[in-house]
Amino acid sequence: MKKIQILGTGCAKCAKLQENAEKAAKNLGIEYELEKVNDINEIMKFRVMQTPALAVDGTVKAVGKVLSPADIEKLIT
């Protein structure tokens, strides 16, 4: 099971990244757990200085941009 984390404080871009991540995982037909990380101290533990950010299985894959579902699919697999 993949763990997908959206790092951000809850802005519109963070919500869009979450939506796109869910679409990507569903398109791939994988089992996944989606976690939204809103706490700034937790986000800092990932060494992320700009949001939104996407982490897969604890590894940051993208920072500061809203990726399309197709781009996220590439990062998940």
PDB file of N, CA and C in Angstrom:
ATOM      1  N   MET A   1       0.842  -1.175   0.000  1.00  0.00           N
ATOM      2  CA  MET A   1       0.000   0.000   0.000  1.00  0.00           C
ATOM      3  C   MET A   1       0.892   1.244   0.000  1.00  0.00           C
ATOM      4  N   LYS A   2       0.548   2.181  -0.866  1.00  0.00           N
ATOM      5  CA  LYS A   2       1.290   3.437  -0.959  1.00  0.00           C
ATOM      6  C   LYS A   2       0.738   4.438   0.053  1.00  0.00           C
ATOM      7  N   LYS A   3       1.643   5.178   0.653  1.00  0.00           N
ATOM      8  CA  LYS A   3       1.229   6.261   1.544  1.00  0.00           C
ATOM      9  C   LYS A   3       1.501   7.569   0.816  1.00  0.00           C
ATOM     10  N   ILE A   4       0.432   8.300   0.523  1.00  0.00           N
ATOM     11  CA  ILE A   4       0.525   9.565  -0.183  1.00  0.00           C
ATOM     12  C   ILE A   4       0.227  10.668   0.818  1.00  0.00           C
ATOM     13  N   GLN A   5       1.137  11.635   0.915  1.00  0.00           N
ATOM     14  CA  GLN A   5       0.956  12.727   1.859  1.00  0.00           C
ATOM     15  C   GLN A   5       0.942  14.064   1.123  1.00  0.00           C
ATOM     16  N   ILE A   6      -0.029  14.879   1.469  1.00  0.00           N
ATOM     17  CA  ILE A   6      -0.131  16.232   0.946  1.00  0.00           C
ATOM     18  C   ILE A   6       0.323  17.153   2.072  1.00  0.00           C
ATOM     19  N   LEU A   7       1.381  17.892   1.825  1.00  0.00           N
ATOM     20  CA  LEU A   7       1.930  18.792   2.830  1.00  0.00           C
ATOM     21  C   LEU A   7       1.494  20.208   2.504  1.00  0.00           C
ATOM     22  N   GLY A   8       0.739  20.805   3.393  1.00  0.00           N
ATOM     23  CA  GLY A   8       0.267  22.162   3.164  1.00  0.00           C
ATOM     24  C   GLY A   8      -0.688  22.602   4.244  1.00  0.00           C
ATOM     25  N   THR A   9      -0.894  23.897   4.310  1.00  0.00           N
ATOM     26  CA  THR A   9      -1.693  24.474   5.384  1.00  0.00           C
ATOM     27  C   THR A   9      -3.183  24.545   5.080  1.00  0.00           C
ATOM     28  N   GLY A  10      -3.591  24.081   3.925  1.00  0.00           N
ATOM     29  CA  GLY A  10      -5.013  24.040   3.607  1.00  0.00           C
ATOM     30  C   GLY A  10      -5.454  25.040   2.556  1.00  0.00           C
ATOM     31  N   CYS A  11      -4.522  25.575   1.802  1.00  0.00           N
ATOM     32  CA  CYS A  11      -4.866  26.545   0.758  1.00  0.00           C
ATOM     33  C   CYS A  11      -5.550  25.841  -0.425  1.00  0.00           C
ATOM     34  N   ALA A  12      -6.024  26.621  -1.368  1.00  0.00           N
ATOM     35  CA  ALA A  12      -6.706  26.066  -2.545  1.00  0.00           C
ATOM     36  C   ALA A  12      -5.777  25.168  -3.356  1.00  0.00           C
ATOM     37  N   LYS A  13      -4.517  25.534  -3.456  1.00  0.00           N
ATOM     38  CA  LYS A  13      -3.560  24.708  -4.209  1.00  0.00           C
ATOM     39  C   LYS A  13      -3.349  23.361  -3.518  1.00  0.00           C
ATOM     40  N   CYS A  14      -3.333  23.383  -2.204  1.00  0.00           N
ATOM     41  CA  CYS A  14      -3.186  22.131  -1.447  1.00  0.00           C
ATOM     42  C   CYS A  14      -4.381  21.212  -1.699  1.00  0.00           C
ATOM     43  N   ALA A  15      -5.569  21.792  -1.707  1.00  0.00           N
ATOM     44  CA  ALA A  15      -6.782  21.011  -1.944  1.00  0.00           C
ATOM     45  C   ALA A  15      -6.772  20.426  -3.355  1.00  0.00           C
ATOM     46  N   LYS A  16      -6.316  21.199  -4.332  1.00  0.00           N
ATOM     47  CA  LYS A  16      -6.255  20.716  -5.721  1.00  0.00           C
ATOM     48  C   LYS A  16      -5.227  19.599  -5.851  1.00  0.00           C
ATOM     49  N   LEU A  17      -4.090  19.733  -5.184  1.00  0.00           N
ATOM     50  CA  LEU A  17      -3.071  18.678  -5.230  1.00  0.00           C
ATOM     51  C   LEU A  17      -3.624  17.399  -4.608  1.00  0.00           C
ATOM     52  N   GLN A  18      -4.366  17.531  -3.520  1.00  0.00           N
ATOM     53  CA  GLN A  18      -4.974  16.354  -2.890  1.00  0.00           C
ATOM     54  C   GLN A  18      -5.955  15.682  -3.842  1.00  0.00           C
ATOM     55  N   GLU A  19      -6.796  16.476  -4.479  1.00  0.00           N
ATOM     56  CA  GLU A  19      -7.766  15.946  -5.440  1.00  0.00           C
ATOM     57  C   GLU A  19      -7.058  15.219  -6.582  1.00  0.00           C
ATOM     58  N   ASN A  20      -6.000  15.819  -7.113  1.00  0.00           N
ATOM     59  CA  ASN A  20      -5.254  15.205  -8.217  1.00  0.00           C
ATOM     60  C   ASN A  20      -4.538  13.935  -7.774  1.00  0.00           C
ATOM     61  N   ALA A  21      -4.037  13.914  -6.546  1.00  0.00           N
ATOM     62  CA  ALA A  21      -3.370  12.717  -6.030  1.00  0.00           C
ATOM     63  C   ALA A  21      -4.357  11.559  -5.900  1.00  0.00           C
ATOM     64  N   GLU A  22      -5.560  11.861  -5.425  1.00  0.00           N
ATOM     65  CA  GLU A  22      -6.589  10.819  -5.316  1.00  0.00           C
ATOM     66  C   GLU A  22      -6.968  10.282  -6.689  1.00  0.00           C
ATOM     67  N   LYS A  23      -7.113  11.169  -7.666  1.00  0.00           N
ATOM     68  CA  LYS A  23      -7.422  10.737  -9.029  1.00  0.00           C
ATOM     69  C   LYS A  23      -6.320   9.844  -9.578  1.00  0.00           C
ATOM     70  N   ALA A  24      -5.073  10.229  -9.347  1.00  0.00           N
ATOM     71  CA  ALA A  24      -3.938   9.457  -9.849  1.00  0.00           C
ATOM     72  C   ALA A  24      -3.927   8.053  -9.259  1.00  0.00           C
ATOM     73  N   ALA A  25      -4.106   7.960  -7.953  1.00  0.00           N
ATOM     74  CA  ALA A  25      -4.097   6.650  -7.296  1.00  0.00           C
ATOM     75  C   ALA A  25      -5.250   5.784  -7.783  1.00  0.00           C
ATOM     76  N   LYS A  26      -6.411   6.385  -7.962  1.00  0.00           N
ATOM     77  CA  LYS A  26      -7.570   5.628  -8.447  1.00  0.00           C
ATOM     78  C   LYS A  26      -7.359   5.194  -9.895  1.00  0.00           C
ATOM     79  N   ASN A  27      -6.758   6.075 -10.705  1.00  0.00           N
ATOM     80  CA  ASN A  27      -6.468   5.711 -12.101  1.00  0.00           C
ATOM     81  C   ASN A  27      -5.520   4.520 -12.179  1.00  0.00           C
ATOM     82  N   LEU A  28      -4.570   4.454 -11.245  1.00  0.00           N
ATOM     83  CA  LEU A  28      -3.614   3.345 -11.228  1.00  0.00           C
ATOM     84  C   LEU A  28      -4.211   2.083 -10.615  1.00  0.00           C
ATOM     85  N   GLY A  29      -5.309   2.231  -9.905  1.00  0.00           N
ATOM     86  CA  GLY A  29      -5.955   1.081  -9.276  1.00  0.00           C
ATOM     87  C   GLY A  29      -5.150   0.498  -8.135  1.00  0.00           C
ATOM     88  N   ILE A  30      -4.404   1.344  -7.426  1.00  0.00           N
ATOM     89  CA  ILE A  30      -3.574   0.853  -6.323  1.00  0.00           C
ATOM     90  C   ILE A  30      -4.263   1.082  -4.988  1.00  0.00           C
ATOM     91  N   GLU A  31      -3.817   0.319  -4.003  1.00  0.00           N
ATOM     92  CA  GLU A  31      -4.259   0.561  -2.643  1.00  0.00           C
ATOM     93  C   GLU A  31      -3.410   1.698  -2.108  1.00  0.00           C
ATOM     94  N   TYR A  32      -4.058   2.671  -1.476  1.00  0.00           N
ATOM     95  CA  TYR A  32      -3.305   3.805  -0.971  1.00  0.00           C
ATOM     96  C   TYR A  32      -3.942   4.369   0.281  1.00  0.00           C
ATOM     97  N   GLU A  33      -3.131   5.068   1.023  1.00  0.00           N
ATOM     98  CA  GLU A  33      -3.592   5.814   2.191  1.00  0.00           C
ATOM     99  C   GLU A  33      -3.222   7.261   1.921  1.00  0.00           C
ATOM    100  N   LEU A  34      -4.174   8.156   2.017  1.00  0.00           N
ATOM    101  CA  LEU A  34      -3.925   9.570   1.781  1.00  0.00           C
ATOM    102  C   LEU A  34      -3.941  10.299   3.116  1.00  0.00           C
ATOM    103  N   GLU A  35      -2.875  11.029   3.367  1.00  0.00           N
ATOM    104  CA  GLU A  35      -2.775  11.787   4.608  1.00  0.00           C
ATOM    105  C   GLU A  35      -2.517  13.248   4.281  1.00  0.00           C
ATOM    106  N   LYS A  36      -3.266  14.110   4.910  1.00  0.00           N
ATOM    107  CA  LYS A  36      -3.069  15.543   4.755  1.00  0.00           C
ATOM    108  C   LYS A  36      -2.280  16.033   5.959  1.00  0.00           C
ATOM    109  N   VAL A  37      -1.121  16.625   5.722  1.00  0.00           N
ATOM    110  CA  VAL A  37      -0.270  17.118   6.799  1.00  0.00           C
ATOM    111  C   VAL A  37      -0.407  18.636   6.840  1.00  0.00           C
ATOM    112  N   ASN A  38      -1.137  19.140   7.833  1.00  0.00           N
ATOM    113  CA  ASN A  38      -1.405  20.572   7.956  1.00  0.00           C
ATOM    114  C   ASN A  38      -0.506  21.275   8.967  1.00  0.00           C
ATOM    115  N   ASP A  39       0.018  20.530   9.921  1.00  0.00           N
ATOM    116  CA  ASP A  39       0.824  21.112  10.992  1.00  0.00           C
ATOM    117  C   ASP A  39       2.168  21.576  10.448  1.00  0.00           C
ATOM    118  N   ILE A  40       2.463  22.858  10.630  1.00  0.00           N
ATOM    119  CA  ILE A  40       3.691  23.433  10.079  1.00  0.00           C
ATOM    120  C   ILE A  40       4.939  22.759  10.637  1.00  0.00           C
ATOM    121  N   ASN A  41       4.904  22.320  11.899  1.00  0.00           N
ATOM    122  CA  ASN A  41       6.062  21.633  12.481  1.00  0.00           C
ATOM    123  C   ASN A  41       6.291  20.281  11.817  1.00  0.00           C
ATOM    124  N   GLU A  42       5.206  19.581  11.486  1.00  0.00           N
ATOM    125  CA  GLU A  42       5.334  18.302  10.783  1.00  0.00           C
ATOM    126  C   GLU A  42       5.851  18.525   9.354  1.00  0.00           C
ATOM    127  N   ILE A  43       5.360  19.575   8.705  1.00  0.00           N
ATOM    128  CA  ILE A  43       5.823  19.891   7.349  1.00  0.00           C
ATOM    129  C   ILE A  43       7.313  20.189   7.362  1.00  0.00           C
ATOM    130  N   MET A  44       7.773  20.911   8.383  1.00  0.00           N
ATOM    131  CA  MET A  44       9.199  21.265   8.494  1.00  0.00           C
ATOM    132  C   MET A  44      10.074  20.014   8.661  1.00  0.00           C
ATOM    133  N   LYS A  45       9.532  18.969   9.257  1.00  0.00           N
ATOM    134  CA  LYS A  45      10.300  17.725   9.410  1.00  0.00           C
ATOM    135  C   LYS A  45      10.651  17.114   8.054  1.00  0.00           C
ATOM    136  N   PHE A  46       9.858  17.444   7.030  1.00  0.00           N
ATOM    137  CA  PHE A  46      10.142  16.972   5.675  1.00  0.00           C
ATOM    138  C   PHE A  46      11.140  17.893   4.966  1.00  0.00           C
ATOM    139  N   ARG A  47      11.558  18.961   5.647  1.00  0.00           N
ATOM    140  CA  ARG A  47      12.468  19.972   5.088  1.00  0.00           C
ATOM    141  C   ARG A  47      11.843  20.686   3.887  1.00  0.00           C
ATOM    142  N   VAL A  48      10.547  20.875   3.956  1.00  0.00           N
ATOM    143  CA  VAL A  48       9.807  21.560   2.899  1.00  0.00           C
ATOM    144  C   VAL A  48       9.600  23.006   3.319  1.00  0.00           C
ATOM    145  N   MET A  49       9.996  23.938   2.455  1.00  0.00           N
ATOM    146  CA  MET A  49       9.868  25.361   2.756  1.00  0.00           C
ATOM    147  C   MET A  49       8.769  26.027   1.926  1.00  0.00           C
ATOM    148  N   GLN A  50       8.221  25.302   0.971  1.00  0.00           N
ATOM    149  CA  GLN A  50       7.186  25.855   0.112  1.00  0.00           C
ATOM    150  C   GLN A  50       6.103  24.805  -0.071  1.00  0.00           C
ATOM    151  N   THR A  51       4.856  25.234   0.008  1.00  0.00           N
ATOM    152  CA  THR A  51       3.745  24.308  -0.160  1.00  0.00           C
ATOM    153  C   THR A  51       2.931  24.719  -1.379  1.00  0.00           C
ATOM    154  N   PRO A  52       2.154  23.833  -1.932  1.00  0.00           N
ATOM    155  CA  PRO A  52       1.932  22.466  -1.475  1.00  0.00           C
ATOM    156  C   PRO A  52       3.102  21.564  -1.868  1.00  0.00           C
ATOM    157  N   ALA A  53       3.198  20.461  -1.156  1.00  0.00           N
ATOM    158  CA  ALA A  53       4.214  19.464  -1.468  1.00  0.00           C
ATOM    159  C   ALA A  53       3.564  18.081  -1.442  1.00  0.00           C
ATOM    160  N   LEU A  54       4.168  17.171  -2.185  1.00  0.00           N
ATOM    161  CA  LEU A  54       3.669  15.801  -2.287  1.00  0.00           C
ATOM    162  C   LEU A  54       4.761  14.854  -1.831  1.00  0.00           C
ATOM    163  N   ALA A  55       4.414  13.965  -0.919  1.00  0.00           N
ATOM    164  CA  ALA A  55       5.343  12.926  -0.476  1.00  0.00           C
ATOM    165  C   ALA A  55       4.704  11.567  -0.736  1.00  0.00           C
ATOM    166  N   VAL A  56       5.520  10.624  -1.173  1.00  0.00           N
ATOM    167  CA  VAL A  56       5.070   9.254  -1.408  1.00  0.00           C
ATOM    168  C   VAL A  56       5.945   8.342  -0.572  1.00  0.00           C
ATOM    169  N   ASP A  57       5.318   7.557   0.290  1.00  0.00           N
ATOM    170  CA  ASP A  57       6.021   6.660   1.201  1.00  0.00           C
ATOM    171  C   ASP A  57       7.103   7.391   1.991  1.00  0.00           C
ATOM    172  N   GLY A  58       6.789   8.628   2.422  1.00  0.00           N
ATOM    173  CA  GLY A  58       7.693   9.385   3.271  1.00  0.00           C
ATOM    174  C   GLY A  58       8.775  10.178   2.561  1.00  0.00           C
ATOM    175  N   THR A  59       8.822  10.089   1.231  1.00  0.00           N
ATOM    176  CA  THR A  59       9.828  10.800   0.448  1.00  0.00           C
ATOM    177  C   THR A  59       9.158  11.923  -0.334  1.00  0.00           C
ATOM    178  N   VAL A  60       9.672  13.138  -0.178  1.00  0.00           N
ATOM    179  CA  VAL A  60       9.111  14.281  -0.893  1.00  0.00           C
ATOM    180  C   VAL A  60       9.417  14.141  -2.374  1.00  0.00           C
ATOM    181  N   LYS A  61       8.371  14.241  -3.189  1.00  0.00           N
ATOM    182  CA  LYS A  61       8.503  14.071  -4.635  1.00  0.00           C
ATOM    183  C   LYS A  61       8.330  15.382  -5.398  1.00  0.00           C
ATOM    184  N   ALA A  62       7.598  16.335  -4.831  1.00  0.00           N
ATOM    185  CA  ALA A  62       7.361  17.608  -5.515  1.00  0.00           C
ATOM    186  C   ALA A  62       7.080  18.683  -4.476  1.00  0.00           C
ATOM    187  N   VAL A  63       7.563  19.896  -4.765  1.00  0.00           N
ATOM    188  CA  VAL A  63       7.405  21.015  -3.833  1.00  0.00           C
ATOM    189  C   VAL A  63       6.968  22.264  -4.596  1.00  0.00           C
ATOM    190  N   GLY A  64       5.970  22.950  -4.065  1.00  0.00           N
ATOM    191  CA  GLY A  64       5.603  24.255  -4.571  1.00  0.00           C
ATOM    192  C   GLY A  64       4.800  24.295  -5.850  1.00  0.00           C
ATOM    193  N   LYS A  65       4.232  23.158  -6.246  1.00  0.00           N
ATOM    194  CA  LYS A  65       3.419  23.170  -7.460  1.00  0.00           C
ATOM    195  C   LYS A  65       2.293  22.161  -7.371  1.00  0.00           C
ATOM    196  N   VAL A  66       1.265  22.428  -8.156  1.00  0.00           N
ATOM    197  CA  VAL A  66       0.120  21.525  -8.244  1.00  0.00           C
ATOM    198  C   VAL A  66       0.338  20.646  -9.471  1.00  0.00           C
ATOM    199  N   LEU A  67       0.635  19.392  -9.224  1.00  0.00           N
ATOM    200  CA  LEU A  67       0.876  18.447 -10.317  1.00  0.00           C
ATOM    201  C   LEU A  67      -0.435  17.909 -10.860  1.00  0.00           C
ATOM    202  N   SER A  68      -0.431  17.552 -12.130  1.00  0.00           N
ATOM    203  CA  SER A  68      -1.607  16.928 -12.735  1.00  0.00           C
ATOM    204  C   SER A  68      -1.686  15.475 -12.272  1.00  0.00           C
ATOM    205  N   PRO A  69      -2.859  14.858 -12.396  1.00  0.00           N
ATOM    206  CA  PRO A  69      -2.951  13.434 -12.041  1.00  0.00           C
ATOM    207  C   PRO A  69      -1.940  12.587 -12.823  1.00  0.00           C
ATOM    208  N   ALA A  70      -1.722  12.901 -14.096  1.00  0.00           N
ATOM    209  CA  ALA A  70      -0.766  12.115 -14.904  1.00  0.00           C
ATOM    210  C   ALA A  70       0.652  12.249 -14.361  1.00  0.00           C
ATOM    211  N   ASP A  71       1.042  13.445 -13.948  1.00  0.00           N
ATOM    212  CA  ASP A  71       2.380  13.642 -13.374  1.00  0.00           C
ATOM    213  C   ASP A  71       2.528  12.888 -12.070  1.00  0.00           C
ATOM    214  N   ILE A  72       1.478  12.895 -11.265  1.00  0.00           N
ATOM    215  CA  ILE A  72       1.515  12.196  -9.982  1.00  0.00           C
ATOM    216  C   ILE A  72       1.591  10.691 -10.189  1.00  0.00           C
ATOM    217  N   GLU A  73       0.881  10.182 -11.188  1.00  0.00           N
ATOM    218  CA  GLU A  73       0.945   8.741 -11.501  1.00  0.00           C
ATOM    219  C   GLU A  73       2.391   8.314 -11.741  1.00  0.00           C
ATOM    220  N   LYS A  74       3.164   9.116 -12.454  1.00  0.00           N
ATOM    221  CA  LYS A  74       4.565   8.800 -12.732  1.00  0.00           C
ATOM    222  C   LYS A  74       5.389   8.743 -11.449  1.00  0.00           C
ATOM    223  N   LEU A  75       5.071   9.605 -10.499  1.00  0.00           N
ATOM    224  CA  LEU A  75       5.824   9.648  -9.244  1.00  0.00           C
ATOM    225  C   LEU A  75       5.447   8.518  -8.303  1.00  0.00           C
ATOM    226  N   ILE A  76       4.218   8.052  -8.417  1.00  0.00           N
ATOM    227  CA  ILE A  76       3.749   6.974  -7.531  1.00  0.00           C
ATOM    228  C   ILE A  76       4.322   5.621  -7.939  1.00  0.00           C
ATOM    229  N   THR A  77       4.441   5.404  -9.252  1.00  0.00           N
ATOM    230  CA  THR A  77       4.876   4.079  -9.718  1.00  0.00           C
ATOM    231  C   THR A  77       6.377   3.937  -9.750  1.00  0.00           C
TER     232      THR A  77
END
